[in-house]
Amino acid sequence: MAEREAMEYDVVIVGAGPAGLGAAIRLKQLAAEQGREVGVCVLEKGSEVGAHILSGAVMDPIALNELIPDWKEKDAPLNTPVSEDRFMFLTETGSFKVPSALLPQCFQNHGNYVISLANVTRWLGQQAEALGVEIFPGFAAAEALFDETGRVKGVATGDMGIGKDGQPTEAHQPGMELHARYTFFAEGCRGHLGKQLQAHFRLRDGVDPQVYGIGLKELWEIKPEMHQPGLVMHTAGWPLASDTYGGSFFYHLEDNLVAVGFVVGLGYSNPYLSPYEEFQRYKTHPEIRKFLEGGKRIAYGARAISAGGLQSLPKLTFPGGCLVGDDAGFLNTSRIKGSHAAIKSGMLAAEAAFAALGNDNPPAELSVYPEAFKASWLHEELHKARNFKPWMSKGLYTGTLMVGIDQVLFRGKAPWTLHHDHADHETLKRKTECEPIVYPKPDGVLTFDRLSSVFISNTNHNEDQPAHLTLKDASVPVNVNLALYDAPEQRYCPAGVYEIVRDDDGGNPRLQINAQNCVHCKTCDIKDPTQNIVWVTPEGGGGPNYPNM
């Protein structure tokens, strides 16, 4: 094996999402203000900046105002101000609109913008490069590197050109080592290296387990007469059972485009539930169907989100680096917003690192970063939202009542904090305790199967590479997951990656992993009841290529 080359930087950032780019931009701004040189590099596993970015999204510009105050003059793609908020409870055939006066503040979006976060991220990438940030798309950080004292000293990218058999092919290129005085991990929800570092440095000691949702999204072009630029709709209720956390979003962008999506909390208990099928079923509701009929579906994607809030935030720093954005879990679940929190967390980490780099003897740990977070508007916002997910996890009706009391009566300042008792992989019931759910067949017009959806996510992986969805024990999928839970990985995966196949006579069941379909949502890594599935980075550039998502 050829030796890896090494490159040296002051700060290496893993992930070119809003958190990573927010951090990179802030570092370069501070360096320019003080006439100092700071070398900053950003690694991005997607084929380009924005390729793996998927979000609703309604953006609160509060952090962007701080980071780039003249973003309007610089043509940031925040083109559609929110014009109306609508929250509805759905039954199978009917709906009830919550009067605007009764909407908690977390569902009020005046002053926010309906955006494509992928496009905003591409724009942030351009701003970062203009300041001198080096961005390397198509390179996946596969390994954290440690020095002799145990401090993180950077990351290594994965080798390119490794065959399915694990041996180098003719196209083999060894990975690169990127060394830094500080390394920021901004990989998004359930980051591959972030997860390892949380275990290695025991960053989760004394905090609640992180809990997650899976967000599924389609981009549609609808008939002009049905389009209302800036309309923001959320729903709760049907098609989910009242004991299952989840809901929908329906956002009108510019150019007759709408983002339609569905979020299901991954703490659900019925192994027969399929978030993907629930999303398809939701689109058949009369209130939703009326917007989509006569329209055209353009894009599809899925991504897990960290929903635990303040109680589930790990320790943010460790020797040599820190976690930012959704790699830590800064999403505000009550507002269904994380991009502003991601940018702010990146800025706070950048300011701490810049100050430390100015010292003759920089500290191993950036303790100023979590202290600055505790003093920030972001901490105050997450503190107000801390009880939203725990209340809503108690069921739609109890949750709605208690969230109303918590958010309207107490304005998020109730004298108690509720906690998350279980990780999401612990919550599935046995198949014998649950009724199978029969989902309608897709019609190919309003509802679609998984494979046609994956096709329009532009997902692609080099076929001749080791599968990046790995099993700790190859016997578990059949002996445990199939036997006890009827192989729930077939249903919680939104991309048709996991399939139980059998011989012609119906015998010899085995798990087939169609890794080339993977949209990098991380749901399997989170929800697998035995935690036997481990998502590792595929070759750089693989995965979805989301346009306008």
Protein backbone atom coordinates (compact mmCIF):
# COMPACT_ATOMS: atom_id res chain seq x y z
CA MET A 1 0.00 0.00 0.00
CA ALA A 2 1.29 3.45 -0.93
CA GLU A 3 1.83 5.84 1.97
CA ARG A 4 -0.68 8.64 2.44
CA GLU A 5 0.44 12.19 1.83
CA ALA A 6 -0.33 14.76 4.53
CA MET A 7 -1.43 18.40 4.28
CA GLU A 8 -1.28 20.87 7.17
CA TYR A 9 -3.94 23.43 8.11
CA ASP A 10 -4.89 25.46 11.13
CA VAL A 11 -8.50 24.19 11.00
CA VAL A 12 -9.93 21.25 9.06
CA ILE A 13 -13.73 21.08 8.81
CA VAL A 14 -15.53 17.83 7.93
CA GLY A 15 -18.73 18.61 6.02
CA ALA A 16 -19.70 21.52 3.75
CA GLY A 17 -23.17 22.07 5.17
CA PRO A 18 -24.40 25.27 6.86
CA ALA A 19 -22.46 24.55 10.07
CA GLY A 20 -19.15 23.73 8.40
CA LEU A 21 -19.32 26.61 5.91
CA GLY A 22 -20.55 29.02 8.60
CA ALA A 23 -17.47 28.10 10.66
CA ALA A 24 -15.09 28.40 7.69
CA ILE A 25 -16.45 31.81 6.66
CA ARG A 26 -16.26 33.16 10.23
CA LEU A 27 -12.64 31.99 10.63
CA LYS A 28 -11.60 33.77 7.43
CA GLN A 29 -13.54 36.92 8.35
CA LEU A 30 -11.75 37.13 11.72
CA ALA A 31 -8.38 36.48 10.06
CA ALA A 32 -9.00 39.30 7.56
CA GLU A 33 -10.11 41.70 10.30
CA GLN A 34 -6.93 41.09 12.31
CA GLY A 35 -4.51 40.69 9.40
CA ARG A 36 -3.63 37.12 10.35
CA GLU A 37 -3.21 34.04 8.17
CA VAL A 38 -5.46 31.09 9.09
CA GLY A 39 -5.42 28.04 6.83
CA VAL A 40 -8.92 26.52 6.57
CA CYS A 41 -9.93 23.44 4.61
CA VAL A 42 -13.41 21.91 4.23
CA LEU A 43 -13.95 18.28 3.17
CA GLU A 44 -17.28 17.33 1.55
CA LYS A 45 -18.26 13.73 0.77
CA GLY A 46 -20.84 14.81 -1.83
CA SER A 47 -19.80 15.25 -5.45
CA GLU A 48 -20.28 19.02 -5.04
CA VAL A 49 -21.22 21.41 -2.26
CA GLY A 50 -24.97 20.98 -1.69
CA ALA A 51 -25.22 17.52 -3.32
CA HIS A 52 -26.12 15.82 -0.02
CA ILE A 53 -28.04 18.72 1.54
CA LEU A 54 -31.73 18.07 2.13
CA SER A 55 -34.05 20.10 4.31
CA GLY A 56 -37.62 21.41 4.29
CA ALA A 57 -36.83 24.30 4.49
CA VAL A 58 -38.02 27.48 6.11
CA MET A 59 -35.02 29.52 7.19
CA ASP A 60 -34.80 32.03 10.01
CA PRO A 61 -32.16 34.51 8.77
CA ILE A 62 -31.00 35.46 12.29
CA ALA A 63 -27.61 33.70 12.02
CA LEU A 64 -27.09 34.67 8.38
CA ASN A 65 -27.69 38.33 9.37
CA GLU A 66 -24.80 37.99 11.83
CA LEU A 67 -22.49 36.07 9.49
CA ILE A 68 -23.03 37.98 6.22
CA PRO A 69 -25.11 41.11 6.98
CA ASP A 70 -25.21 42.11 3.29
CA TRP A 71 -26.47 38.72 2.08
CA LYS A 72 -29.27 40.37 0.06
CA GLU A 73 -26.79 42.47 -1.91
CA LYS A 74 -24.71 39.31 -2.46
CA ASP A 75 -27.71 37.55 -4.02
CA ALA A 76 -28.22 34.85 -1.38
CA PRO A 77 -31.01 32.58 -2.68
CA LEU A 78 -33.55 33.56 -0.02
CA ASN A 79 -36.17 34.58 -2.58
CA THR A 80 -39.52 33.76 -1.01
CA PRO A 81 -40.57 35.46 2.26
CA VAL A 82 -43.17 33.51 4.25
CA SER A 83 -46.58 34.98 3.41
CA GLU A 84 -48.91 32.80 5.49
CA ASP A 85 -48.73 30.13 8.22
CA ARG A 86 -51.30 27.36 8.19
CA PHE A 87 -51.42 24.49 10.72
CA MET A 88 -53.97 21.70 10.24
CA PHE A 89 -54.99 18.54 12.03
CA LEU A 90 -55.93 15.86 9.50
CA THR A 91 -58.42 13.01 9.80
CA GLU A 92 -58.68 10.40 7.04
CA THR A 93 -61.08 12.52 5.00
CA GLY A 94 -61.31 15.87 6.78
CA SER A 95 -59.21 18.58 8.39
CA PHE A 96 -59.29 21.23 11.09
CA LYS A 97 -57.31 24.46 10.71
CA VAL A 98 -55.88 25.89 13.93
CA PRO A 99 -56.89 29.57 14.24
CA SER A 100 -53.84 31.83 13.76
CA ALA A 101 -54.38 33.41 17.18
CA LEU A 102 -53.88 30.01 18.84
CA LEU A 103 -50.66 29.08 17.00
CA PRO A 104 -47.68 28.84 19.38
CA GLN A 105 -44.78 31.13 18.52
CA CYS A 106 -42.72 28.17 17.29
CA PHE A 107 -45.14 27.76 14.35
CA GLN A 108 -45.10 31.44 13.40
CA ASN A 109 -42.76 32.22 10.52
CA HIS A 110 -43.14 35.95 9.89
CA GLY A 111 -39.75 37.26 8.72
CA ASN A 112 -38.51 33.81 7.60
CA TYR A 113 -37.92 32.54 4.07
CA VAL A 114 -38.91 29.41 2.14
CA ILE A 115 -35.64 28.17 0.62
CA SER A 116 -33.77 25.33 -0.98
CA LEU A 117 -31.09 24.69 1.67
CA ALA A 118 -28.94 22.95 -0.98
CA ASN A 119 -28.89 26.19 -3.00
CA VAL A 120 -28.22 28.35 0.07
CA THR A 121 -25.35 25.99 0.92
CA ARG A 122 -23.92 26.27 -2.60
CA TRP A 123 -24.01 30.05 -2.19
CA LEU A 124 -22.28 29.80 1.21
CA GLY A 125 -19.61 27.68 -0.49
CA GLN A 126 -18.99 30.46 -3.00
CA GLN A 127 -18.71 33.03 -0.17
CA ALA A 128 -16.22 30.76 1.66
CA GLU A 129 -14.04 30.22 -1.42
CA ALA A 130 -14.01 33.97 -2.13
CA LEU A 131 -12.49 34.41 1.36
CA GLY A 132 -9.77 31.83 0.67
CA VAL A 133 -11.28 28.67 2.18
CA GLU A 134 -10.12 25.51 0.41
CA ILE A 135 -13.10 23.20 -0.26
CA PHE A 136 -12.56 19.63 -1.46
CA PRO A 137 -15.83 18.08 -2.68
CA GLY A 138 -15.89 14.37 -3.50
CA PHE A 139 -13.59 13.50 -0.59
CA ALA A 140 -15.10 11.62 2.34
CA ALA A 141 -13.41 11.87 5.73
CA ALA A 142 -13.22 8.18 6.64
CA GLU A 143 -11.06 8.18 9.75
CA ALA A 144 -10.19 10.46 12.67
CA LEU A 145 -6.46 10.72 13.38
CA PHE A 146 -4.93 10.98 16.86
CA ASP A 147 -1.49 12.07 18.05
CA GLU A 148 0.58 10.29 20.69
CA THR A 149 -1.23 12.16 23.51
CA GLY A 150 -4.66 11.01 22.30
CA ARG A 151 -5.60 14.40 20.87
CA VAL A 152 -7.41 14.53 17.49
CA LYS A 153 -4.85 15.76 14.96
CA GLY A 154 -7.01 15.68 11.82
CA VAL A 155 -8.70 13.20 9.51
CA ALA A 156 -7.84 10.90 6.63
CA THR A 157 -9.93 10.59 3.49
CA GLY A 158 -10.87 7.15 2.26
CA ASP A 159 -8.85 5.33 -0.35
CA MET A 160 -10.26 5.51 -3.89
CA GLY A 161 -10.27 2.48 -6.17
CA ILE A 162 -10.78 -0.33 -3.65
CA GLY A 163 -12.69 -3.24 -5.23
CA LYS A 164 -15.67 -5.14 -3.82
CA ASP A 165 -13.21 -7.76 -2.54
CA GLY A 166 -11.43 -5.13 -0.44
CA GLN A 167 -8.30 -5.24 -2.64
CA PRO A 168 -6.84 -2.23 -4.52
CA THR A 169 -7.81 -2.02 -8.20
CA GLU A 170 -5.82 -0.46 -11.05
CA ALA A 171 -7.55 2.84 -10.23
CA HIS A 172 -6.36 2.78 -6.60
CA GLN A 173 -5.35 6.06 -4.98
CA PRO A 174 -4.48 6.20 -1.28
CA GLY A 175 -6.38 8.62 0.91
CA MET A 176 -4.95 11.93 2.09
CA GLU A 177 -4.19 12.91 5.67
CA LEU A 178 -5.29 16.40 6.64
CA HIS A 179 -3.66 17.56 9.84
CA ALA A 180 -4.96 20.51 11.84
CA ARG A 181 -4.54 22.25 15.13
CA TYR A 182 -8.32 21.96 15.47
CA THR A 183 -10.73 19.71 13.57
CA PHE A 184 -14.45 20.57 13.39
CA PHE A 185 -16.92 17.76 12.72
CA ALA A 186 -19.93 19.12 10.82
CA GLU A 187 -21.16 15.95 9.12
CA GLY A 188 -24.85 16.46 9.82
CA CYS A 189 -27.15 14.12 11.70
CA ARG A 190 -25.56 10.87 12.96
CA GLY A 191 -22.18 11.76 11.52
CA HIS A 192 -20.01 8.70 10.94
CA LEU A 193 -16.96 10.18 12.71
CA GLY A 194 -19.01 12.23 15.16
CA LYS A 195 -20.64 9.02 16.41
CA GLN A 196 -17.20 7.41 16.90
CA LEU A 197 -15.80 10.45 18.71
CA GLN A 198 -18.82 10.65 21.03
CA ALA A 199 -18.10 7.05 22.06
CA HIS A 200 -14.29 7.43 22.19
CA PHE A 201 -14.31 10.56 24.38
CA ARG A 202 -17.51 9.58 26.25
CA LEU A 203 -19.15 12.85 25.22
CA ARG A 204 -22.64 11.49 25.95
CA ASP A 205 -22.01 10.68 29.61
CA GLY A 206 -24.72 12.29 31.76
CA VAL A 207 -27.00 13.41 28.90
CA ASP A 208 -30.20 11.96 27.46
CA PRO A 209 -29.97 9.59 24.50
CA GLN A 210 -30.22 11.39 21.17
CA VAL A 211 -33.56 10.80 19.47
CA TYR A 212 -34.21 11.20 15.77
CA GLY A 213 -36.75 11.62 13.03
CA ILE A 214 -36.63 10.67 9.40
CA GLY A 215 -37.59 13.44 6.99
CA LEU A 216 -38.77 12.49 3.49
CA LYS A 217 -39.17 15.17 0.85
CA GLU A 218 -40.33 15.61 -2.72
CA LEU A 219 -40.04 18.70 -4.91
CA TRP A 220 -43.07 19.30 -7.17
CA GLU A 221 -43.91 21.78 -9.88
CA ILE A 222 -47.63 22.50 -9.48
CA LYS A 223 -50.28 24.29 -11.53
CA PRO A 224 -49.86 28.09 -11.33
CA GLU A 225 -53.43 28.59 -10.06
CA MET A 226 -52.64 26.36 -7.02
CA HIS A 227 -49.37 28.10 -6.17
CA GLN A 228 -49.18 30.63 -3.31
CA PRO A 229 -45.57 31.84 -2.93
CA GLY A 230 -44.56 31.85 0.74
CA LEU A 231 -47.44 29.69 2.02
CA VAL A 232 -46.14 27.48 4.86
CA MET A 233 -48.40 24.55 5.82
CA HIS A 234 -47.83 22.00 8.56
CA THR A 235 -50.10 19.11 9.49
CA ALA A 236 -50.40 16.56 12.28
CA GLY A 237 -52.63 13.51 12.61
CA TRP A 238 -53.58 11.26 9.68
CA PRO A 239 -52.08 9.08 8.26
CA LEU A 240 -50.08 8.36 11.45
CA ALA A 241 -51.71 6.69 14.44
CA SER A 242 -52.19 9.11 17.33
CA ASP A 243 -49.45 7.38 19.38
CA THR A 244 -46.80 7.92 16.65
CA TYR A 245 -44.82 11.16 16.58
CA GLY A 246 -44.72 12.88 13.20
CA GLY A 247 -46.24 15.36 10.80
CA SER A 248 -45.92 17.01 7.43
CA PHE A 249 -44.64 20.17 5.80
CA PHE A 250 -45.83 21.78 2.58
CA TYR A 251 -43.87 24.87 1.54
CA HIS A 252 -44.51 27.04 -1.53
CA LEU A 253 -41.25 28.32 -3.05
CA GLU A 254 -40.89 30.48 -6.19
CA ASP A 255 -41.56 29.40 -9.83
CA ASN A 256 -44.60 27.20 -9.03
CA LEU A 257 -42.40 24.89 -6.94
CA VAL A 258 -43.51 23.30 -3.67
CA ALA A 259 -41.53 21.25 -1.18
CA VAL A 260 -43.76 18.52 0.24
CA GLY A 261 -42.45 16.37 3.03
CA PHE A 262 -43.14 14.15 5.98
CA VAL A 263 -41.28 13.58 9.26
CA VAL A 264 -41.69 10.45 11.39
CA GLY A 265 -40.07 10.18 14.81
CA LEU A 266 -37.82 7.11 14.85
CA GLY A 267 -38.99 6.20 18.34
CA TYR A 268 -42.07 4.52 16.79
CA SER A 269 -42.97 1.05 18.14
CA ASN A 270 -44.78 -0.83 15.34
CA PRO A 271 -42.19 -2.74 13.26
CA TYR A 272 -44.65 -2.81 10.33
CA LEU A 273 -44.68 1.00 10.03
CA SER A 274 -43.03 2.37 6.87
CA PRO A 275 -42.25 6.11 6.98
CA TYR A 276 -41.95 6.11 3.18
CA GLU A 277 -45.41 4.58 2.68
CA GLU A 278 -46.94 6.93 5.28
CA PHE A 279 -45.55 9.86 3.27
CA GLN A 280 -47.03 8.52 0.03
CA ARG A 281 -50.38 7.98 1.74
CA TYR A 282 -50.37 11.52 3.16
CA LYS A 283 -50.30 12.99 -0.36
CA THR A 284 -53.69 11.37 -1.10
CA HIS A 285 -55.48 13.47 1.54
CA PRO A 286 -57.99 15.87 -0.10
CA GLU A 287 -56.25 18.93 1.43
CA ILE A 288 -52.90 17.88 -0.06
CA ARG A 289 -54.04 16.18 -3.25
CA LYS A 290 -55.76 19.37 -4.47
CA PHE A 291 -52.39 21.16 -4.66
CA LEU A 292 -50.51 18.32 -6.37
CA GLU A 293 -53.01 17.08 -8.97
CA GLY A 294 -51.92 18.09 -12.44
CA GLY A 295 -48.40 18.79 -11.15
CA LYS A 296 -45.12 17.00 -11.72
CA ARG A 297 -42.70 15.45 -9.24
CA ILE A 298 -39.12 16.62 -9.87
CA ALA A 299 -36.93 15.35 -7.03
CA TYR A 300 -36.96 13.04 -3.99
CA GLY A 301 -34.73 12.55 -0.97
CA ALA A 302 -34.60 11.54 2.68
CA ARG A 303 -32.46 12.43 5.68
CA ALA A 304 -32.51 11.73 9.40
CA ILE A 305 -32.68 14.69 11.80
CA SER A 306 -31.48 14.94 15.41
CA ALA A 307 -34.54 15.81 17.46
CA GLY A 308 -33.46 15.43 21.10
CA GLY A 309 -32.80 19.11 21.72
CA LEU A 310 -30.94 20.57 24.66
CA GLN A 311 -31.25 17.48 26.91
CA SER A 312 -29.54 15.31 24.27
CA LEU A 313 -26.65 17.59 23.33
CA PRO A 314 -23.33 15.83 23.99
CA LYS A 315 -20.25 17.54 25.37
CA LEU A 316 -19.28 19.67 22.37
CA THR A 317 -15.50 19.63 22.66
CA PHE A 318 -12.65 17.16 23.04
CA PRO A 319 -8.87 17.47 22.74
CA GLY A 320 -8.16 18.80 19.26
CA GLY A 321 -11.68 19.45 18.03
CA CYS A 322 -15.40 19.91 18.43
CA LEU A 323 -18.85 19.01 17.09
CA VAL A 324 -20.99 21.62 15.31
CA GLY A 325 -24.43 21.68 13.69
CA ASP A 326 -26.53 18.54 13.56
CA ASP A 327 -23.46 16.37 14.23
CA ALA A 328 -24.06 17.57 17.80
CA GLY A 329 -27.86 17.92 17.50
CA PHE A 330 -28.63 21.66 17.50
CA LEU A 331 -31.92 21.33 15.58
CA ASN A 332 -34.93 23.09 17.12
CA THR A 333 -37.63 20.41 16.82
CA SER A 334 -40.51 22.67 17.83
CA ARG A 335 -39.74 25.07 14.96
CA ILE A 336 -38.67 22.28 12.56
CA LYS A 337 -35.59 24.41 11.87
CA GLY A 338 -31.89 23.70 12.13
CA SER A 339 -30.02 25.69 9.48
CA HIS A 340 -29.85 28.89 11.54
CA ALA A 341 -28.72 26.88 14.57
CA ALA A 342 -26.10 25.08 12.49
CA ILE A 343 -24.64 28.35 11.18
CA LYS A 344 -24.59 29.89 14.67
CA SER A 345 -22.90 26.85 16.25
CA GLY A 346 -20.24 26.94 13.52
CA MET A 347 -19.65 30.66 14.14
CA LEU A 348 -19.29 30.13 17.90
CA ALA A 349 -16.79 27.31 17.38
CA ALA A 350 -14.88 29.41 14.82
CA GLU A 351 -14.60 32.35 17.22
CA ALA A 352 -13.30 30.05 19.96
CA ALA A 353 -10.75 28.44 17.64
CA PHE A 354 -9.55 31.77 16.23
CA ALA A 355 -8.93 33.13 19.73
CA ALA A 356 -7.10 29.92 20.71
CA LEU A 357 -4.89 29.99 17.58
CA GLY A 358 -3.72 33.47 18.61
CA ASN A 359 -2.15 32.05 21.78
CA ASP A 360 1.50 30.98 21.92
CA ASN A 361 0.32 27.76 23.53
CA PRO A 362 -3.20 26.99 22.17
CA PRO A 363 -5.35 24.93 24.58
CA ALA A 364 -6.07 21.31 23.63
CA GLU A 365 -9.77 21.84 24.19
CA LEU A 366 -11.91 24.76 22.96
CA SER A 367 -13.82 25.20 26.23
CA VAL A 368 -14.74 28.78 25.23
CA TYR A 369 -17.08 27.34 22.56
CA PRO A 370 -19.62 25.62 24.89
CA GLU A 371 -19.40 28.60 27.26
CA ALA A 372 -20.24 30.97 24.38
CA PHE A 373 -23.11 28.69 23.34
CA LYS A 374 -24.59 28.85 26.86
CA ALA A 375 -24.53 32.67 26.69
CA SER A 376 -26.06 32.84 23.18
CA TRP A 377 -29.55 33.34 21.77
CA LEU A 378 -29.29 29.79 20.41
CA HIS A 379 -29.15 28.30 23.91
CA GLU A 380 -32.09 30.44 24.98
CA GLU A 381 -34.09 29.29 21.93
CA LEU A 382 -33.33 25.60 22.51
CA HIS A 383 -34.13 25.96 26.21
CA LYS A 384 -37.60 27.25 25.33
CA ALA A 385 -38.13 24.28 22.99
CA ARG A 386 -36.70 21.60 25.29
CA ASN A 387 -40.03 20.01 26.32
CA PHE A 388 -41.65 19.95 22.86
CA LYS A 389 -40.43 16.54 21.67
CA PRO A 390 -40.85 14.77 25.05
CA TRP A 391 -44.47 16.02 25.29
CA MET A 392 -45.31 15.13 21.68
CA SER A 393 -43.83 11.66 22.18
CA LYS A 394 -46.69 11.01 24.64
CA GLY A 395 -49.21 10.96 21.76
CA LEU A 396 -50.93 13.50 19.55
CA TYR A 397 -53.74 14.55 21.90
CA THR A 398 -51.87 14.67 25.22
CA GLY A 399 -48.86 16.14 23.47
CA THR A 400 -50.79 18.90 21.72
CA LEU A 401 -52.49 19.94 24.96
CA MET A 402 -49.26 19.97 26.96
CA VAL A 403 -47.26 21.74 24.25
CA GLY A 404 -49.99 24.39 24.21
CA ILE A 405 -49.58 24.86 27.97
CA ASP A 406 -45.77 24.76 27.72
CA GLN A 407 -45.38 27.11 24.73
CA VAL A 408 -48.38 29.44 25.07
CA LEU A 409 -48.97 29.65 28.82
CA PHE A 410 -45.35 29.31 30.04
CA ARG A 411 -43.73 30.61 26.78
CA GLY A 412 -41.20 27.78 27.03
CA LYS A 413 -40.12 28.78 30.53
CA ALA A 414 -41.90 26.07 32.53
CA PRO A 415 -40.06 25.18 35.77
CA TRP A 416 -39.49 21.58 34.64
CA THR A 417 -37.50 19.73 32.02
CA LEU A 418 -38.75 16.43 30.61
CA HIS A 419 -36.31 13.75 29.49
CA HIS A 420 -35.90 11.14 26.76
CA ASP A 421 -35.83 7.72 28.38
CA HIS A 422 -34.96 5.50 25.43
CA ALA A 423 -32.83 5.49 22.33
CA ASP A 424 -34.88 4.95 19.16
CA HIS A 425 -33.49 1.46 18.51
CA GLU A 426 -34.91 0.28 21.85
CA THR A 427 -38.57 1.10 21.15
CA LEU A 428 -39.74 -1.52 18.59
CA LYS A 429 -42.30 -4.05 19.78
CA ARG A 430 -42.17 -7.68 18.66
CA LYS A 431 -44.10 -8.47 15.49
CA THR A 432 -46.46 -10.72 17.49
CA GLU A 433 -47.61 -7.68 19.48
CA CYS A 434 -48.51 -5.57 16.41
CA GLU A 435 -50.92 -5.58 13.51
CA PRO A 436 -49.36 -5.44 10.03
CA ILE A 437 -50.16 -2.21 8.16
CA VAL A 438 -51.51 -2.67 4.63
CA TYR A 439 -50.41 0.20 2.41
CA PRO A 440 -52.09 1.00 -0.92
CA LYS A 441 -50.18 0.31 -4.13
CA PRO A 442 -48.60 3.45 -5.71
CA ASP A 443 -50.47 4.93 -8.67
CA GLY A 444 -47.39 6.40 -10.39
CA VAL A 445 -49.10 9.81 -10.59
CA LEU A 446 -49.45 11.04 -7.00
CA THR A 447 -47.80 8.15 -5.16
CA PHE A 448 -44.67 6.28 -6.18
CA ASP A 449 -42.57 3.24 -5.35
CA ARG A 450 -39.15 3.50 -3.73
CA LEU A 451 -37.05 2.67 -6.77
CA SER A 452 -38.60 5.33 -9.02
CA SER A 453 -38.03 7.76 -6.14
CA VAL A 454 -34.38 6.79 -5.72
CA PHE A 455 -33.94 7.31 -9.47
CA ILE A 456 -34.88 11.00 -9.21
CA SER A 457 -32.55 11.50 -6.22
CA ASN A 458 -29.70 11.00 -8.75
CA THR A 459 -28.08 8.52 -6.36
CA ASN A 460 -24.99 6.81 -7.66
CA HIS A 461 -22.20 4.73 -6.13
CA ASN A 462 -19.27 3.08 -7.85
CA GLU A 463 -20.49 -0.53 -8.20
CA ASP A 464 -17.01 -2.00 -7.63
CA GLN A 465 -16.41 -0.90 -4.06
CA PRO A 466 -16.97 -2.54 -0.66
CA ALA A 467 -20.53 -2.06 0.62
CA HIS A 468 -20.64 0.94 2.96
CA LEU A 469 -23.56 -0.62 4.89
CA THR A 470 -21.83 -3.15 7.09
CA LEU A 471 -23.05 -5.80 9.52
CA LYS A 472 -21.32 -6.61 12.80
CA ASP A 473 -22.84 -10.12 12.64
CA ALA A 474 -24.22 -11.49 9.35
CA SER A 475 -26.56 -13.93 11.14
CA VAL A 476 -28.53 -11.25 13.03
CA PRO A 477 -30.78 -9.99 10.18
CA VAL A 478 -32.46 -13.39 9.81
CA ASN A 479 -32.05 -14.91 13.29
CA VAL A 480 -33.14 -11.80 15.22
CA ASN A 481 -34.58 -9.03 13.02
CA LEU A 482 -36.65 -11.28 10.75
CA ALA A 483 -37.60 -13.71 13.52
CA LEU A 484 -38.69 -11.12 16.07
CA TYR A 485 -39.57 -7.96 14.08
CA ASP A 486 -40.30 -9.23 10.53
CA ALA A 487 -37.17 -7.49 9.18
CA PRO A 488 -38.11 -3.83 9.82
CA GLU A 489 -35.10 -2.62 7.79
CA GLN A 490 -37.17 -3.41 4.68
CA ARG A 491 -39.64 -0.72 5.79
CA TYR A 492 -37.70 1.98 7.65
CA CYS A 493 -35.19 2.40 4.81
CA PRO A 494 -36.61 5.01 2.38
CA ALA A 495 -34.52 3.80 -0.56
CA GLY A 496 -35.07 0.05 -0.95
CA VAL A 497 -31.58 -0.84 0.28
CA TYR A 498 -32.61 -3.79 2.47
CA GLU A 499 -34.45 -6.76 1.04
CA ILE A 500 -35.21 -10.24 2.40
CA VAL A 501 -34.77 -12.64 -0.52
CA ARG A 502 -35.62 -16.35 -0.54
CA ASP A 503 -35.15 -19.40 -2.73
CA ASP A 504 -37.84 -20.28 -5.29
CA ASP A 505 -39.55 -22.52 -2.74
CA GLY A 506 -39.75 -19.67 -0.20
CA GLY A 507 -37.02 -21.08 2.02
CA ASN A 508 -33.53 -19.92 2.99
CA PRO A 509 -34.33 -16.26 3.79
CA ARG A 510 -31.33 -13.91 3.68
CA LEU A 511 -30.74 -10.17 3.74
CA GLN A 512 -29.71 -8.57 0.47
CA ILE A 513 -28.13 -5.11 0.79
CA ASN A 514 -28.56 -2.94 -2.30
CA ALA A 515 -25.97 -0.40 -1.17
CA GLN A 516 -25.98 1.44 -4.49
CA ASN A 517 -29.52 2.74 -3.64
CA CYS A 518 -28.41 4.40 -0.38
CA VAL A 519 -29.31 8.11 -0.06
CA HIS A 520 -27.12 8.49 3.07
CA CYS A 521 -30.09 9.21 5.36
CA LYS A 522 -28.57 7.18 8.27
CA THR A 523 -31.93 5.75 9.37
CA CYS A 524 -30.63 2.17 9.40
CA ASP A 525 -27.70 3.13 11.62
CA ILE A 526 -30.19 4.68 14.06
CA LYS A 527 -33.25 2.39 14.04
CA ASP A 528 -31.77 -1.12 13.66
CA PRO A 529 -33.04 -2.78 16.88
CA THR A 530 -29.81 -4.73 17.43
CA GLN A 531 -27.50 -1.88 16.30
CA ASN A 532 -25.94 -4.48 14.00
CA ILE A 533 -25.96 -2.24 10.91
CA VAL A 534 -23.08 0.25 10.80
CA TRP A 535 -22.99 2.97 8.12
CA VAL A 536 -19.43 3.77 7.02
CA THR A 537 -18.32 6.26 4.38
CA PRO A 538 -18.43 5.03 0.79
CA GLU A 539 -15.98 6.27 -1.81
CA GLY A 540 -16.06 10.07 -2.00
CA GLY A 541 -18.59 11.57 -4.40
CA GLY A 542 -21.01 8.65 -4.03
CA GLY A 543 -24.60 9.04 -2.87
CA PRO A 544 -27.39 11.38 -3.93
CA ASN A 545 -26.95 14.47 -6.08
CA TYR A 546 -29.83 16.64 -4.95
CA PRO A 547 -30.87 19.52 -7.20
CA ASN A 548 -32.70 22.38 -5.41
CA MET A 549 -33.44 20.28 -2.29
